[in-house]
C-alpha atoms as a PDB file:
ATOM      1  CA  MET A   1      94.925 108.540  74.758  1.00  0.00           C
ATOM      2  CA  VAL A   2      97.848 106.771  75.857  1.00  0.00           C
ATOM      3  CA  SER A   3      99.021 102.913  75.288  1.00  0.00           C
ATOM      4  CA  LEU A   4     100.540 100.921  78.143  1.00  0.00           C
ATOM      5  CA  LYS A   5     103.356 100.141  76.242  1.00  0.00           C
ATOM      6  CA  GLU A   6     104.205 103.873  75.543  1.00  0.00           C
ATOM      7  CA  LEU A   7     103.316 104.354  79.417  1.00  0.00           C
ATOM      8  CA  ARG A   8     105.790 101.654  80.431  1.00  0.00           C
ATOM      9  CA  LYS A   9     108.525 103.173  78.754  1.00  0.00           C
ATOM     10  CA  GLN A  10     108.270 106.446  79.466  1.00  0.00           C
ATOM     11  CA  ALA A  11     107.553 106.244  82.988  1.00  0.00           C
ATOM     12  CA  SER A  12     110.419 103.738  83.551  1.00  0.00           C
ATOM     13  CA  GLU A  13     112.976 106.000  81.774  1.00  0.00           C
ATOM     14  CA  LYS A  14     111.843 108.684  83.510  1.00  0.00           C
ATOM     15  CA  LEU A  15     112.060 106.810  86.674  1.00  0.00           C
ATOM     16  CA  LYS A  16     115.677 105.265  86.203  1.00  0.00           C
ATOM     17  CA  LYS A  17     117.222 108.741  86.469  1.00  0.00           C
ATOM     18  CA  THR A  18     115.918 108.859  89.986  1.00  0.00           C
ATOM     19  CA  GLY A  19     118.197 106.346  90.711  1.00  0.00           C
ATOM     20  CA  ASN A  20     115.476 103.939  91.554  1.00  0.00           C
ATOM     21  CA  ASP A  21     117.106 100.231  91.114  1.00  0.00           C
ATOM     22  CA  SER A  22     113.659  98.771  89.859  1.00  0.00           C
ATOM     23  CA  PRO A  23     111.778 101.317  87.819  1.00  0.00           C
ATOM     24  CA  LEU A  24     109.842  98.620  85.322  1.00  0.00           C
ATOM     25  CA  ALA A  25     108.610  96.656  87.965  1.00  0.00           C
ATOM     26  CA  ASP A  26     107.515  99.694  90.391  1.00  0.00           C
ATOM     27  CA  VAL A  27     105.562 101.331  87.140  1.00  0.00           C
ATOM     28  CA  ASP A  28     103.954  97.619  87.155  1.00  0.00           C
ATOM     29  CA  TYR A  29     103.225  97.607  90.332  1.00  0.00           C
ATOM     30  CA  ILE A  30     101.331 100.649  90.064  1.00  0.00           C
ATOM     31  CA  LEU A  31      99.140  99.575  86.640  1.00  0.00           C
ATOM     32  CA  SER A  32      98.513  95.688  88.191  1.00  0.00           C
ATOM     33  CA  TYR A  33      97.734  97.262  91.988  1.00  0.00           C
ATOM     34  CA  VAL A  34      96.205 100.893  91.335  1.00  0.00           C
ATOM     35  CA  LEU A  35      94.662 100.701  87.805  1.00  0.00           C
ATOM     36  CA  GLY A  36      93.820  96.833  88.075  1.00  0.00           C
ATOM     37  CA  PHE A  37      95.648  96.279  84.845  1.00  0.00           C
ATOM     38  CA  SER A  38      96.578  92.208  84.470  1.00  0.00           C
ATOM     39  CA  LYS A  39     100.101  90.778  83.681  1.00  0.00           C
ATOM     40  CA  SER A  40      98.928  90.072  80.037  1.00  0.00           C
ATOM     41  CA  GLU A  41      97.368  93.230  79.425  1.00  0.00           C
ATOM     42  CA  LEU A  42     100.920  94.690  80.489  1.00  0.00           C
ATOM     43  CA  ILE A  43     102.906  92.217  78.571  1.00  0.00           C
ATOM     44  CA  PHE A  44     100.644  92.627  75.099  1.00  0.00           C
ATOM     45  CA  GLY A  45     100.828  96.690  76.092  1.00  0.00           C
ATOM     46  CA  ASP A  46      97.716  97.471  73.583  1.00  0.00           C
ATOM     47  CA  LYS A  47      95.998  98.376  75.390  1.00  0.00           C
ATOM     48  CA  HIS A  48      95.382 102.727  76.119  1.00  0.00           C
ATOM     49  CA  LEU A  49      94.747 104.308  79.718  1.00  0.00           C
ATOM     50  CA  ASP A  50      91.513 106.949  79.471  1.00  0.00           C
ATOM     51  CA  CYS A  51      91.406 110.589  80.869  1.00  0.00           C
ATOM     52  CA  GLU A  52      90.726 109.501  84.761  1.00  0.00           C
ATOM     53  CA  GLN A  53      92.933 106.667  84.334  1.00  0.00           C
ATOM     54  CA  GLN A  54      96.199 109.065  83.268  1.00  0.00           C
ATOM     55  CA  ARG A  55      94.856 111.193  86.099  1.00  0.00           C
ATOM     56  CA  ILE A  56      94.869 108.170  88.994  1.00  0.00           C
ATOM     57  CA  PHE A  57      98.772 106.688  87.689  1.00  0.00           C
ATOM     58  CA  SER A  58     100.262 110.522  87.348  1.00  0.00           C
ATOM     59  CA  SER A  59      98.984 111.013  91.028  1.00  0.00           C
ATOM     60  CA  ALA A  60     100.836 107.643  91.850  1.00  0.00           C
ATOM     61  CA  PHE A  61     103.351 108.304  90.073  1.00  0.00           C
ATOM     62  CA  GLU A  62     104.505 111.631  91.624  1.00  0.00           C
ATOM     63  CA  ARG A  63     104.344 110.376  94.797  1.00  0.00           C
ATOM     64  CA  LEU A  64     106.752 107.334  93.316  1.00  0.00           C
ATOM     65  CA  LEU A  65     109.170 110.037  91.560  1.00  0.00           C
ATOM     66  CA  SER A  66     109.854 111.631  95.582  1.00  0.00           C
ATOM     67  CA  GLY A  67     110.857 108.205  96.680  1.00  0.00           C
ATOM     68  CA  GLU A  68     108.093 107.090  98.562  1.00  0.00           C
ATOM     69  CA  PRO A  69     108.353 102.932  98.494  1.00  0.00           C
ATOM     70  CA  VAL A  70     105.363 101.675  95.754  1.00  0.00           C
ATOM     71  CA  GLN A  71     103.552  99.064  98.526  1.00  0.00           C
ATOM     72  CA  TYR A  72     102.570 102.435 100.435  1.00  0.00           C
ATOM     73  CA  ILE A  73     101.412 104.021  97.161  1.00  0.00           C
ATOM     74  CA  ALA A  74      99.192 100.995  96.152  1.00  0.00           C
ATOM     75  CA  GLY A  75      97.979 100.403  99.936  1.00  0.00           C
ATOM     76  CA  GLY A  76      99.113  96.923 100.273  1.00  0.00           C
ATOM     77  CA  CYS A  77     101.840  93.730  98.944  1.00  0.00           C
ATOM     78  CA  GLU A  78     101.650  90.649  98.901  1.00  0.00           C
ATOM     79  CA  PHE A  79     103.371  88.063 102.253  1.00  0.00           C
ATOM     80  CA  MET A  80     103.146  84.467 102.094  1.00  0.00           C
ATOM     81  CA  SER A  81     101.046  84.647  99.188  1.00  0.00           C
ATOM     82  CA  LEU A  82      98.652  86.589 101.062  1.00  0.00           C
ATOM     83  CA  TRP A  83      97.334  90.206 100.191  1.00  0.00           C
ATOM     84  CA  PHE A  84      98.720  92.689 103.394  1.00  0.00           C
ATOM     85  CA  GLU A  85      97.537  96.148 103.425  1.00  0.00           C
ATOM     86  CA  VAL A  86     100.108  98.792 104.796  1.00  0.00           C
ATOM     87  CA  SER A  87     100.213 102.123 105.388  1.00  0.00           C
ATOM     88  CA  SER A  88     103.037 104.806 106.896  1.00  0.00           C
ATOM     89  CA  ALA A  89     102.361 103.614 110.298  1.00  0.00           C
ATOM     90  CA  THR A  90     103.505 100.113 109.448  1.00  0.00           C
ATOM     91  CA  LEU A  91     106.032  98.354 108.174  1.00  0.00           C
ATOM     92  CA  ILE A  92     106.266  96.983 104.658  1.00  0.00           C
ATOM     93  CA  PRO A  93     106.603  93.038 104.688  1.00  0.00           C
ATOM     94  CA  ARG A  94     109.744  92.010 103.434  1.00  0.00           C
ATOM     95  CA  ALA A  95     110.490  88.279 101.755  1.00  0.00           C
ATOM     96  CA  ASP A  96     113.229  87.548 104.132  1.00  0.00           C
ATOM     97  CA  THR A  97     110.593  87.554 107.231  1.00  0.00           C
ATOM     98  CA  GLU A  98     109.110  84.870 105.224  1.00  0.00           C
ATOM     99  CA  ILE A  99     111.715  82.962 106.427  1.00  0.00           C
ATOM    100  CA  LEU A 100     110.654  83.443 110.129  1.00  0.00           C
ATOM    101  CA  VAL A 101     106.912  82.759 109.464  1.00  0.00           C
ATOM    102  CA  GLU A 102     108.235  79.817 107.598  1.00  0.00           C
ATOM    103  CA  SER A 103     110.466  78.165 110.165  1.00  0.00           C
ATOM    104  CA  VAL A 104     107.540  78.647 112.865  1.00  0.00           C
ATOM    105  CA  VAL A 105     105.027  76.512 110.785  1.00  0.00           C
ATOM    106  CA  ASP A 106     107.208  73.718 110.211  1.00  0.00           C
ATOM    107  CA  LEU A 107     108.221  72.991 114.220  1.00  0.00           C
ATOM    108  CA  CYS A 108     104.939  74.154 114.924  1.00  0.00           C
ATOM    109  CA  LYS A 109     102.339  72.189 112.519  1.00  0.00           C
ATOM    110  CA  GLU A 110     102.018  69.125 113.870  1.00  0.00           C
ATOM    111  CA  ARG A 111     100.939  70.563 117.634  1.00  0.00           C
ATOM    112  CA  GLU A 112      97.273  69.993 118.553  1.00  0.00           C
ATOM    113  CA  LYS A 113      96.980  73.266 120.239  1.00  0.00           C
ATOM    114  CA  LEU A 114      99.235  76.445 120.045  1.00  0.00           C
ATOM    115  CA  ASN A 115      99.309  79.807 122.156  1.00  0.00           C
ATOM    116  CA  ILE A 116     101.474  82.309 120.300  1.00  0.00           C
ATOM    117  CA  PHE A 117     102.773  85.714 121.320  1.00  0.00           C
ATOM    118  CA  GLU A 118     104.239  88.194 119.002  1.00  0.00           C
ATOM    119  CA  VAL A 119     106.307  90.929 119.749  1.00  0.00           C
ATOM    120  CA  GLY A 120     105.562  94.360 117.279  1.00  0.00           C
ATOM    121  CA  THR A 121     103.321  93.495 115.011  1.00  0.00           C
ATOM    122  CA  GLY A 122     103.227  96.411 112.441  1.00  0.00           C
ATOM    123  CA  SER A 123     100.429  94.912 109.866  1.00  0.00           C
ATOM    124  CA  GLY A 124     100.010  91.862 111.045  1.00  0.00           C
ATOM    125  CA  CYS A 125     101.972  89.897 108.562  1.00  0.00           C
ATOM    126  CA  ILE A 126     103.250  87.484 111.049  1.00  0.00           C
ATOM    127  CA  ALA A 127     100.439  86.778 113.050  1.00  0.00           C
ATOM    128  CA  VAL A 128      97.822  86.812 110.414  1.00  0.00           C
ATOM    129  CA  SER A 129     100.092  84.473 108.062  1.00  0.00           C
ATOM    130  CA  LEU A 130     100.668  82.121 111.243  1.00  0.00           C
ATOM    131  CA  ALA A 131      97.117  81.671 111.831  1.00  0.00           C
ATOM    132  CA  HIS A 132      96.376  81.064 108.463  1.00  0.00           C
ATOM    133  CA  PHE A 133      98.745  78.420 108.082  1.00  0.00           C
ATOM    134  CA  LEU A 134      98.026  76.878 111.614  1.00  0.00           C
ATOM    135  CA  PRO A 135      94.696  76.872 112.050  1.00  0.00           C
ATOM    136  CA  GLN A 136      94.819  75.575 115.786  1.00  0.00           C
ATOM    137  CA  ALA A 137      97.157  78.619 117.094  1.00  0.00           C
ATOM    138  CA  GLU A 138      96.277  81.049 118.842  1.00  0.00           C
ATOM    139  CA  VAL A 139      97.781  84.351 118.083  1.00  0.00           C
ATOM    140  CA  LEU A 140      98.286  87.243 120.753  1.00  0.00           C
ATOM    141  CA  SER A 141      99.989  90.398 119.521  1.00  0.00           C
ATOM    142  CA  VAL A 142     101.257  93.556 120.525  1.00  0.00           C
ATOM    143  CA  ASP A 143     102.375  96.914 119.147  1.00  0.00           C
ATOM    144  CA  ILE A 144     103.073 100.151 120.206  1.00  0.00           C
ATOM    145  CA  SER A 145     101.148 102.167 117.580  1.00  0.00           C
ATOM    146  CA  GLU A 146      97.482 102.517 117.443  1.00  0.00           C
ATOM    147  CA  GLU A 147      97.369 103.074 114.051  1.00  0.00           C
ATOM    148  CA  ALA A 148      99.245 100.168 113.033  1.00  0.00           C
ATOM    149  CA  LEU A 149      97.057  97.823 115.191  1.00  0.00           C
ATOM    150  CA  ALA A 150      93.884  99.192 113.308  1.00  0.00           C
ATOM    151  CA  VAL A 151      95.705  98.108 110.229  1.00  0.00           C
ATOM    152  CA  ALA A 152      96.294  94.622 111.653  1.00  0.00           C
ATOM    153  CA  LYS A 153      92.846  94.038 112.707  1.00  0.00           C
ATOM    154  CA  ARG A 154      91.674  94.878 109.400  1.00  0.00           C
ATOM    155  CA  ASN A 155      93.975  92.705 107.512  1.00  0.00           C
ATOM    156  CA  SER A 156      93.401  89.396 109.981  1.00  0.00           C
ATOM    157  CA  SER A 157      89.127  90.123 109.886  1.00  0.00           C
ATOM    158  CA  ARG A 158      89.944  90.286 105.634  1.00  0.00           C
ATOM    159  CA  LEU A 159      92.021  87.223 105.796  1.00  0.00           C
ATOM    160  CA  GLY A 160      89.987  85.064 107.771  1.00  0.00           C
ATOM    161  CA  THR A 161      91.904  84.913 111.112  1.00  0.00           C
ATOM    162  CA  GLU A 162      89.572  86.654 113.151  1.00  0.00           C
ATOM    163  CA  SER A 163      88.580  84.132 115.478  1.00  0.00           C
ATOM    164  CA  GLN A 164      92.319  83.133 115.588  1.00  0.00           C
ATOM    165  CA  CYS A 165      94.139  86.449 116.136  1.00  0.00           C
ATOM    166  CA  ARG A 166      93.795  89.380 119.171  1.00  0.00           C
ATOM    167  CA  PHE A 167      95.574  92.775 119.079  1.00  0.00           C
ATOM    168  CA  GLU A 168      96.699  95.072 121.739  1.00  0.00           C
ATOM    169  CA  LYS A 169      98.566  98.058 122.566  1.00  0.00           C
ATOM    170  CA  LEU A 170     101.818  97.607 124.529  1.00  0.00           C
ATOM    171  CA  ASP A 171     104.984  98.914 125.238  1.00  0.00           C
ATOM    172  CA  ILE A 172     107.207  95.984 125.791  1.00  0.00           C
ATOM    173  CA  MET A 173     110.164  98.023 127.054  1.00  0.00           C
ATOM    174  CA  LYS A 174     108.379  99.292 129.717  1.00  0.00           C
ATOM    175  CA  LYS A 175     105.478  96.593 130.605  1.00  0.00           C
ATOM    176  CA  LEU A 176     105.144  92.746 130.452  1.00  0.00           C
ATOM    177  CA  PRO A 177     102.003  90.990 128.661  1.00  0.00           C
ATOM    178  CA  GLU A 178      99.575  89.769 131.013  1.00  0.00           C
ATOM    179  CA  CYS A 179      98.608  86.402 129.610  1.00  0.00           C
ATOM    180  CA  GLU A 180      95.902  83.651 131.177  1.00  0.00           C
ATOM    181  CA  LYS A 181      98.246  81.031 129.780  1.00  0.00           C
ATOM    182  CA  LEU A 182     102.071  80.747 128.904  1.00  0.00           C
ATOM    183  CA  PRO A 183     102.635  81.361 125.439  1.00  0.00           C
ATOM    184  CA  ASP A 184     104.248  78.124 123.299  1.00  0.00           C
ATOM    185  CA  VAL A 185     105.914  80.290 121.098  1.00  0.00           C
ATOM    186  CA  ILE A 186     107.180  83.677 120.814  1.00  0.00           C
ATOM    187  CA  VAL A 187     107.661  85.433 117.954  1.00  0.00           C
ATOM    188  CA  SER A 188     109.336  88.520 116.820  1.00  0.00           C
ATOM    189  CA  ASN A 189     110.606  91.022 113.849  1.00  0.00           C
ATOM    190  CA  PRO A 190     111.719  93.541 116.579  1.00  0.00           C
ATOM    191  CA  PRO A 191     113.261  96.861 115.828  1.00  0.00           C
ATOM    192  CA  TYR A 192     117.451  96.150 115.329  1.00  0.00           C
ATOM    193  CA  ILE A 193     118.795  98.990 113.752  1.00  0.00           C
ATOM    194  CA  PRO A 194     121.542 100.492 116.079  1.00  0.00           C
ATOM    195  CA  ASP A 195     120.739 103.899 116.700  1.00  0.00           C
ATOM    196  CA  LYS A 196     123.815 105.256 114.907  1.00  0.00           C
ATOM    197  CA  ASP A 197     123.065 103.462 111.728  1.00  0.00           C
ATOM    198  CA  ILE A 198     119.704 105.485 111.293  1.00  0.00           C
ATOM    199  CA  SER A 199     121.129 108.112 109.201  1.00  0.00           C
ATOM    200  CA  GLU A 200     122.796 105.515 106.608  1.00  0.00           C
ATOM    201  CA  LEU A 201     119.475 103.797 106.346  1.00  0.00           C
ATOM    202  CA  ASP A 202     118.001 103.960 102.359  1.00  0.00           C
ATOM    203  CA  LYS A 203     115.815 107.021 101.784  1.00  0.00           C
ATOM    204  CA  LYS A 204     112.828 104.968 101.198  1.00  0.00           C
ATOM    205  CA  VAL A 205     112.814 103.521 104.388  1.00  0.00           C
ATOM    206  CA  LYS A 206     114.936 106.143 106.361  1.00  0.00           C
ATOM    207  CA  ASP A 207     111.954 109.358 104.970  1.00  0.00           C
ATOM    208  CA  PHE A 208     108.939 106.625 104.875  1.00  0.00           C
ATOM    209  CA  GLU A 209     109.150 103.709 107.260  1.00  0.00           C
ATOM    210  CA  PRO A 210     107.882 104.299 111.272  1.00  0.00           C
ATOM    211  CA  LEU A 211     111.596 104.827 112.931  1.00  0.00           C
ATOM    212  CA  SER A 212     109.701 103.388 116.118  1.00  0.00           C
ATOM    213  CA  ALA A 213     109.729  99.817 114.517  1.00  0.00           C
ATOM    214  CA  LEU A 214     113.043 100.246 113.431  1.00  0.00           C
ATOM    215  CA  ILE A 215     115.327 101.814 116.172  1.00  0.00           C
ATOM    216  CA  GLY A 216     116.506  99.077 118.386  1.00  0.00           C
ATOM    217  CA  GLY A 217     118.970 101.024 120.825  1.00  0.00           C
ATOM    218  CA  CYS A 218     122.328 101.353 121.038  1.00  0.00           C
ATOM    219  CA  ASP A 219     123.928  98.659 119.718  1.00  0.00           C
ATOM    220  CA  GLY A 220     120.382  96.821 117.676  1.00  0.00           C
ATOM    221  CA  LEU A 221     120.055  94.458 120.522  1.00  0.00           C
ATOM    222  CA  ASP A 222     117.371  95.898 123.219  1.00  0.00           C
ATOM    223  CA  PHE A 223     114.452  94.247 122.265  1.00  0.00           C
ATOM    224  CA  TYR A 224     116.595  90.965 121.509  1.00  0.00           C
ATOM    225  CA  ARG A 225     117.605  91.155 125.475  1.00  0.00           C
ATOM    226  CA  ARG A 226     114.345  92.042 126.751  1.00  0.00           C
ATOM    227  CA  ILE A 227     112.495  89.603 124.931  1.00  0.00           C
ATOM    228  CA  ALA A 228     114.852  86.803 125.637  1.00  0.00           C
ATOM    229  CA  HIS A 229     115.669  87.166 129.028  1.00  0.00           C
ATOM    230  CA  ASP A 230     111.718  88.750 130.759  1.00  0.00           C
ATOM    231  CA  VAL A 231     108.926  87.530 128.263  1.00  0.00           C
ATOM    232  CA  PRO A 232     107.057  84.346 130.031  1.00  0.00           C
ATOM    233  CA  LEU A 233     107.432  81.407 127.938  1.00  0.00           C
ATOM    234  CA  ALA A 234     106.202  77.778 128.478  1.00  0.00           C
ATOM    235  CA  LYS A 235     108.891  75.318 129.350  1.00  0.00           C
ATOM    236  CA  GLY A 236     110.011  74.026 126.207  1.00  0.00           C
ATOM    237  CA  GLY A 237     108.427  76.455 124.433  1.00  0.00           C
ATOM    238  CA  LEU A 238     109.741  78.169 121.036  1.00  0.00           C
ATOM    239  CA  LEU A 239     111.470  81.550 120.649  1.00  0.00           C
ATOM    240  CA  ALA A 240     111.778  82.393 117.216  1.00  0.00           C
ATOM    241  CA  PHE A 241     113.236  86.048 115.774  1.00  0.00           C
ATOM    242  CA  GLU A 242     114.313  87.976 112.693  1.00  0.00           C
ATOM    243  CA  VAL A 243     118.091  89.387 113.083  1.00  0.00           C
ATOM    244  CA  GLY A 244     119.569  92.081 110.841  1.00  0.00           C
ATOM    245  CA  ILE A 245     122.692  91.458 109.027  1.00  0.00           C
ATOM    246  CA  GLY A 246     125.625  90.816 111.334  1.00  0.00           C
ATOM    247  CA  GLN A 247     123.251  90.480 114.561  1.00  0.00           C
ATOM    248  CA  ALA A 248     122.625  86.405 114.527  1.00  0.00           C
ATOM    249  CA  THR A 249     125.690  85.533 116.472  1.00  0.00           C
ATOM    250  CA  ASP A 250     125.227  88.156 119.173  1.00  0.00           C
ATOM    251  CA  VAL A 251     121.242  87.198 119.604  1.00  0.00           C
ATOM    252  CA  ALA A 252     122.134  83.547 119.573  1.00  0.00           C
ATOM    253  CA  ALA A 253     124.764  84.676 122.500  1.00  0.00           C
ATOM    254  CA  ILE A 254     121.655  86.205 124.133  1.00  0.00           C
ATOM    255  CA  MET A 255     119.613  83.449 123.805  1.00  0.00           C
ATOM    256  CA  GLU A 256     121.953  81.060 125.626  1.00  0.00           C
ATOM    257  CA  GLU A 257     121.509  81.406 129.145  1.00  0.00           C
ATOM    258  CA  HIS A 258     117.718  80.189 129.085  1.00  0.00           C
ATOM    259  CA  PHE A 259     117.245  78.517 125.738  1.00  0.00           C
ATOM    260  CA  ARG A 260     118.796  75.218 124.190  1.00  0.00           C
ATOM    261  CA  ASP A 261     118.942  73.702 120.879  1.00  0.00           C
ATOM    262  CA  ILE A 262     119.383  77.167 119.202  1.00  0.00           C
ATOM    263  CA  ARG A 263     119.447  77.196 115.308  1.00  0.00           C
ATOM    264  CA  LEU A 264     120.410  80.239 112.820  1.00  0.00           C
ATOM    265  CA  ILE A 265     118.505  79.774 109.388  1.00  0.00           C
ATOM    266  CA  ARG A 266     120.011  81.372 106.423  1.00  0.00           C
ATOM    267  CA  ASP A 267     117.738  83.473 103.890  1.00  0.00           C
ATOM    268  CA  LEU A 268     117.433  82.709 100.448  1.00  0.00           C
ATOM    269  CA  SER A 269     121.053  85.121 100.007  1.00  0.00           C
ATOM    270  CA  GLY A 270     122.717  83.024 102.504  1.00  0.00           C
ATOM    271  CA  ILE A 271     122.296  85.844 105.322  1.00  0.00           C
ATOM    272  CA  GLU A 272     121.807  84.171 108.664  1.00  0.00           C
ATOM    273  CA  ARG A 273     118.310  85.844 108.943  1.00  0.00           C
ATOM    274  CA  VAL A 274     116.077  83.762 111.674  1.00  0.00           C
ATOM    275  CA  VAL A 275     117.484  82.607 115.109  1.00  0.00           C
ATOM    276  CA  LEU A 276     115.513  80.381 117.215  1.00  0.00           C
ATOM    277  CA  GLY A 277     115.763  77.832 120.043  1.00  0.00           C
ATOM    278  CA  PHE A 278     113.278  76.212 122.910  1.00  0.00           C
ATOM    279  CA  LEU A 279     113.440  77.593 127.017  1.00  0.00           C
ATOM    280  CA  GLY A 280     114.844  75.304 129.294  1.00  0.00           C
END
């Protein structure tokens, strides 16, 4: 039997040779979330893996060596301190997107009732997090992928927001939502990669994450135009977007025709990551 200490060292060294920039963290992710070892067990490293644990680790590690994101291998990741299931049908939730959720929560936490519409739900991380932190909110989320919607529904059910969240299949570029009541908030982390840039994406993204959730048209702004110009929103309602690097000014310009008090919010790296404004 091999010890945790030996395994972590051997596996991380092998993974580093593939160009992985966080080899030990990825190995620990598998050991924690696939095999269930605690942080203290990983630090002390004196426990040993039995034959079945070694078999499971070897299978997961081969996927890691191929470049597959560790979150897909483990079947999930944390977002807003909540655990979300992910699959190859969904984008992997990222820390940058937490800035979007936190911005909406800060602006809406004093509201008594709230109707939120989300475009492109994927794993449901935005919708479910908003419902979790805004218990007065009802959220309608749409996506074009049946597989992604199934993941989002499971996340909502497991995290206790089933009564607040509704998920529907809709291609926002072809059809507008049919809402009984105009939403108070529209939120979206839409596809925003320009067509010409897809080939330059990191291999982990390009080869494993769903391209339909990434491609945003010729200049990457198609979804921003459609949502800002055409999706119905209550007067004074909030529109909040996550944007790609260097897109904030262009997205703000798209919103200027119909929205006021437009704000650009930076992430922890100082990058303008969220653009929001109020209708009317």
